Amino acid sequence: MTITEFQKLIEDIYYDKDSGRGMEATFMWFVEEVGELSRALRRGSREELQDEFADVAAWLATLASIAGVNLEAAVTEKYQGGCPKCGSTPCRCSDV
């Protein structure tokens, strides 16, 4: 499944509910899911990690849809040439 196909699937399932809730409230749900991912990363359960990564991706996709952003086009434009700062793959930017 491409990112665009995933974003469309999430729209088909949740767009009416999420857009009706509004950007701010939907963003709060996204942040809550990121918190759940953080807890899963500390616990290390593979199944829980997979579920939480999927949830975070779904909430990110729905936020992009509400904002009118094609997520696949956005990430392609920004990252297809490598690191947006140094242009290298792998990144050669100094962390300092």
N, C-alpha and C. Protein backbone atom coordinates (compact mmCIF):
# COMPACT_ATOMS: atom_id res chain seq x y z
N MET A 1 0.85 -1.17 0.00
CA MET A 1 0.00 0.00 0.00
C MET A 1 0.90 1.24 0.00
N THR A 2 0.60 2.20 -0.86
CA THR A 2 1.36 3.45 -0.87
C THR A 2 0.87 4.36 0.26
N ILE A 3 1.62 5.40 0.51
CA ILE A 3 1.19 6.37 1.52
C ILE A 3 -0.13 7.01 1.10
N THR A 4 -0.26 7.33 -0.19
CA THR A 4 -1.51 7.93 -0.69
C THR A 4 -2.68 6.97 -0.51
N GLU A 5 -2.48 5.70 -0.80
CA GLU A 5 -3.54 4.71 -0.60
C GLU A 5 -3.91 4.60 0.88
N PHE A 6 -2.90 4.62 1.75
CA PHE A 6 -3.15 4.57 3.19
C PHE A 6 -3.94 5.80 3.65
N GLN A 7 -3.52 6.97 3.19
CA GLN A 7 -4.21 8.20 3.57
C GLN A 7 -5.67 8.16 3.11
N LYS A 8 -5.92 7.65 1.91
CA LYS A 8 -7.28 7.54 1.39
C LYS A 8 -8.09 6.54 2.21
N LEU A 9 -7.48 5.43 2.59
CA LEU A 9 -8.16 4.45 3.43
C LEU A 9 -8.58 5.07 4.76
N ILE A 10 -7.66 5.79 5.38
CA ILE A 10 -7.96 6.45 6.67
C ILE A 10 -9.05 7.49 6.48
N GLU A 11 -9.02 8.22 5.35
CA GLU A 11 -10.10 9.18 5.06
C GLU A 11 -11.44 8.46 4.96
N ASP A 12 -11.46 7.35 4.21
CA ASP A 12 -12.70 6.59 4.04
C ASP A 12 -13.26 6.12 5.38
N ILE A 13 -12.39 5.74 6.29
CA ILE A 13 -12.82 5.21 7.59
C ILE A 13 -13.19 6.33 8.56
N TYR A 14 -12.36 7.38 8.65
CA TYR A 14 -12.45 8.33 9.76
C TYR A 14 -12.67 9.80 9.40
N TYR A 15 -12.60 10.18 8.12
CA TYR A 15 -12.57 11.62 7.79
C TYR A 15 -13.76 12.39 8.34
N ASP A 16 -14.97 11.87 8.17
CA ASP A 16 -16.15 12.62 8.64
C ASP A 16 -16.08 12.89 10.14
N LYS A 17 -15.73 11.86 10.90
CA LYS A 17 -15.64 12.00 12.36
C LYS A 17 -14.50 12.95 12.74
N ASP A 18 -13.33 12.75 12.13
CA ASP A 18 -12.15 13.54 12.50
C ASP A 18 -12.28 14.99 12.06
N SER A 19 -12.76 15.23 10.85
CA SER A 19 -12.89 16.62 10.39
C SER A 19 -13.99 17.33 11.18
N GLY A 20 -15.03 16.59 11.58
CA GLY A 20 -16.07 17.18 12.41
C GLY A 20 -15.57 17.58 13.79
N ARG A 21 -14.61 16.82 14.29
CA ARG A 21 -14.00 17.11 15.58
C ARG A 21 -13.14 18.36 15.49
N GLY A 22 -12.54 18.58 14.31
CA GLY A 22 -11.69 19.75 14.09
C GLY A 22 -10.22 19.42 14.25
N MET A 23 -9.40 20.31 13.71
CA MET A 23 -7.95 20.11 13.70
C MET A 23 -7.37 20.05 15.12
N GLU A 24 -7.74 21.01 15.96
CA GLU A 24 -7.14 21.06 17.30
C GLU A 24 -7.45 19.81 18.12
N ALA A 25 -8.70 19.40 18.15
CA ALA A 25 -9.08 18.22 18.93
C ALA A 25 -8.48 16.95 18.33
N THR A 26 -8.43 16.88 17.01
CA THR A 26 -7.83 15.71 16.36
C THR A 26 -6.33 15.66 16.64
N PHE A 27 -5.69 16.82 16.66
CA PHE A 27 -4.27 16.87 16.99
C PHE A 27 -4.03 16.38 18.42
N MET A 28 -4.92 16.69 19.33
CA MET A 28 -4.78 16.20 20.71
C MET A 28 -4.84 14.67 20.75
N TRP A 29 -5.71 14.06 19.94
CA TRP A 29 -5.76 12.60 19.87
C TRP A 29 -4.44 12.06 19.32
N PHE A 30 -3.88 12.74 18.31
CA PHE A 30 -2.60 12.34 17.74
C PHE A 30 -1.51 12.35 18.82
N VAL A 31 -1.47 13.41 19.60
CA VAL A 31 -0.47 13.53 20.66
C VAL A 31 -0.64 12.42 21.69
N GLU A 32 -1.88 12.09 22.01
CA GLU A 32 -2.12 10.98 22.94
C GLU A 32 -1.57 9.67 22.37
N GLU A 33 -1.77 9.45 21.07
CA GLU A 33 -1.23 8.23 20.44
C GLU A 33 0.30 8.22 20.45
N VAL A 34 0.92 9.38 20.27
CA VAL A 34 2.38 9.46 20.35
C VAL A 34 2.83 9.08 21.77
N GLY A 35 2.09 9.50 22.77
CA GLY A 35 2.39 9.11 24.15
C GLY A 35 2.29 7.60 24.34
N GLU A 36 1.27 7.00 23.74
CA GLU A 36 1.13 5.55 23.82
C GLU A 36 2.28 4.84 23.11
N LEU A 37 2.75 5.40 22.00
CA LEU A 37 3.91 4.85 21.31
C LEU A 37 5.15 4.95 22.20
N SER A 38 5.28 6.07 22.89
CA SER A 38 6.42 6.26 23.80
C SER A 38 6.43 5.17 24.88
N ARG A 39 5.28 4.90 25.45
CA ARG A 39 5.19 3.84 26.47
C ARG A 39 5.52 2.48 25.86
N ALA A 40 5.04 2.22 24.65
CA ALA A 40 5.32 0.94 23.99
C ALA A 40 6.81 0.80 23.68
N LEU A 41 7.46 1.88 23.32
CA LEU A 41 8.91 1.83 23.06
C LEU A 41 9.68 1.46 24.32
N ARG A 42 9.22 1.91 25.48
CA ARG A 42 9.89 1.56 26.74
C ARG A 42 9.64 0.11 27.12
N ARG A 43 8.44 -0.41 26.83
CA ARG A 43 8.10 -1.79 27.20
C ARG A 43 8.75 -2.81 26.29
N GLY A 44 8.82 -2.49 25.01
CA GLY A 44 9.49 -3.37 24.07
C GLY A 44 8.66 -4.49 23.48
N SER A 45 7.34 -4.54 23.73
CA SER A 45 6.49 -5.58 23.14
C SER A 45 6.36 -5.32 21.64
N ARG A 46 6.79 -6.27 20.83
CA ARG A 46 6.75 -6.13 19.37
C ARG A 46 5.33 -5.89 18.86
N GLU A 47 4.37 -6.64 19.35
CA GLU A 47 2.98 -6.49 18.93
C GLU A 47 2.43 -5.11 19.30
N GLU A 48 2.70 -4.68 20.51
CA GLU A 48 2.24 -3.37 20.97
C GLU A 48 2.90 -2.25 20.16
N LEU A 49 4.21 -2.40 19.89
CA LEU A 49 4.91 -1.40 19.07
C LEU A 49 4.27 -1.29 17.70
N GLN A 50 4.00 -2.42 17.08
CA GLN A 50 3.40 -2.41 15.74
C GLN A 50 2.05 -1.70 15.77
N ASP A 51 1.22 -2.01 16.75
CA ASP A 51 -0.09 -1.38 16.87
C ASP A 51 0.02 0.13 17.07
N GLU A 52 0.93 0.54 17.93
CA GLU A 52 1.07 1.97 18.23
C GLU A 52 1.66 2.75 17.05
N PHE A 53 2.64 2.15 16.34
CA PHE A 53 3.15 2.81 15.13
C PHE A 53 2.02 2.99 14.12
N ALA A 54 1.18 1.97 13.96
CA ALA A 54 0.06 2.05 13.02
C ALA A 54 -0.92 3.15 13.44
N ASP A 55 -1.20 3.23 14.74
CA ASP A 55 -2.12 4.27 15.23
C ASP A 55 -1.56 5.67 14.98
N VAL A 56 -0.28 5.87 15.26
CA VAL A 56 0.34 7.17 15.04
C VAL A 56 0.29 7.52 13.55
N ALA A 57 0.58 6.56 12.69
CA ALA A 57 0.52 6.81 11.25
C ALA A 57 -0.90 7.18 10.81
N ALA A 58 -1.90 6.51 11.36
CA ALA A 58 -3.29 6.80 11.00
C ALA A 58 -3.70 8.20 11.44
N TRP A 59 -3.33 8.57 12.66
CA TRP A 59 -3.68 9.91 13.13
C TRP A 59 -2.93 10.99 12.35
N LEU A 60 -1.68 10.73 11.98
CA LEU A 60 -0.92 11.67 11.16
C LEU A 60 -1.58 11.82 9.79
N ALA A 61 -2.01 10.72 9.21
CA ALA A 61 -2.67 10.76 7.91
C ALA A 61 -3.98 11.55 7.98
N THR A 62 -4.75 11.36 9.04
CA THR A 62 -6.01 12.08 9.14
C THR A 62 -5.78 13.57 9.35
N LEU A 63 -4.74 13.92 10.10
CA LEU A 63 -4.40 15.34 10.26
C LEU A 63 -4.01 15.96 8.92
N ALA A 64 -3.22 15.24 8.13
CA ALA A 64 -2.84 15.72 6.81
C ALA A 64 -4.07 15.92 5.94
N SER A 65 -5.00 14.99 5.99
CA SER A 65 -6.23 15.10 5.20
C SER A 65 -7.04 16.32 5.61
N ILE A 66 -7.21 16.52 6.91
CA ILE A 66 -7.96 17.68 7.39
C ILE A 66 -7.30 18.98 6.92
N ALA A 67 -5.96 18.98 6.89
CA ALA A 67 -5.21 20.16 6.47
C ALA A 67 -5.13 20.30 4.95
N GLY A 68 -5.61 19.29 4.22
CA GLY A 68 -5.56 19.34 2.77
C GLY A 68 -4.19 19.05 2.19
N VAL A 69 -3.40 18.25 2.91
CA VAL A 69 -2.04 17.91 2.49
C VAL A 69 -1.98 16.46 2.04
N ASN A 70 -1.43 16.24 0.85
CA ASN A 70 -1.17 14.88 0.39
C ASN A 70 0.14 14.46 1.05
N LEU A 71 0.05 13.55 1.99
CA LEU A 71 1.20 13.15 2.80
C LEU A 71 2.32 12.56 1.95
N GLU A 72 1.98 11.72 0.98
CA GLU A 72 3.00 11.12 0.13
C GLU A 72 3.74 12.18 -0.68
N ALA A 73 3.00 13.13 -1.25
CA ALA A 73 3.63 14.21 -2.02
C ALA A 73 4.53 15.05 -1.12
N ALA A 74 4.09 15.30 0.10
CA ALA A 74 4.88 16.12 1.03
C ALA A 74 6.20 15.45 1.39
N VAL A 75 6.15 14.17 1.73
CA VAL A 75 7.39 13.49 2.13
C VAL A 75 8.30 13.26 0.93
N THR A 76 7.70 13.00 -0.22
CA THR A 76 8.50 12.82 -1.44
C THR A 76 9.24 14.10 -1.79
N GLU A 77 8.51 15.20 -1.78
CA GLU A 77 9.12 16.49 -2.12
C GLU A 77 10.25 16.84 -1.16
N LYS A 78 10.04 16.59 0.11
CA LYS A 78 11.04 17.00 1.10
C LYS A 78 12.24 16.07 1.16
N TYR A 79 12.04 14.75 1.00
CA TYR A 79 13.12 13.80 1.29
C TYR A 79 13.66 13.01 0.10
N GLN A 80 13.09 13.16 -1.08
CA GLN A 80 13.56 12.32 -2.19
C GLN A 80 15.00 12.62 -2.58
N GLY A 81 15.51 13.80 -2.28
CA GLY A 81 16.89 14.14 -2.61
C GLY A 81 17.86 13.87 -1.46
N GLY A 82 17.41 13.17 -0.43
CA GLY A 82 18.24 12.91 0.74
C GLY A 82 17.93 13.89 1.86
N CYS A 83 18.88 14.11 2.71
CA CYS A 83 18.70 15.03 3.84
C CYS A 83 18.35 16.41 3.28
N PRO A 84 17.28 17.03 3.79
CA PRO A 84 16.90 18.35 3.28
C PRO A 84 17.95 19.43 3.53
N LYS A 85 18.82 19.23 4.52
CA LYS A 85 19.84 20.24 4.83
C LYS A 85 21.11 20.03 4.02
N CYS A 86 21.65 18.82 4.04
CA CYS A 86 22.94 18.60 3.37
C CYS A 86 22.80 17.91 2.03
N GLY A 87 21.64 17.36 1.73
CA GLY A 87 21.39 16.69 0.47
C GLY A 87 22.01 15.31 0.35
N SER A 88 22.57 14.80 1.41
CA SER A 88 23.25 13.50 1.36
C SER A 88 22.38 12.38 1.89
N THR A 89 22.67 11.18 1.39
CA THR A 89 22.09 9.95 1.92
C THR A 89 23.23 8.95 2.08
N PRO A 90 23.59 8.61 3.32
CA PRO A 90 23.00 9.06 4.56
C PRO A 90 23.37 10.52 4.87
N CYS A 91 22.63 11.09 5.80
CA CYS A 91 22.86 12.48 6.22
C CYS A 91 24.29 12.63 6.74
N ARG A 92 24.91 13.73 6.34
CA ARG A 92 26.27 14.03 6.81
C ARG A 92 26.29 15.30 7.67
N CYS A 93 25.13 15.78 8.07
CA CYS A 93 25.05 16.98 8.92
C CYS A 93 25.70 16.70 10.28
N SER A 94 26.31 17.69 10.82
CA SER A 94 26.88 17.58 12.17
C SER A 94 25.73 17.67 13.17
N ASP A 95 25.74 16.82 14.18
CA ASP A 95 24.70 16.85 15.22
C ASP A 95 24.94 17.97 16.21
N VAL A 96 26.05 18.64 16.10
CA VAL A 96 26.38 19.67 17.06
C VAL A 96 25.69 20.96 16.69
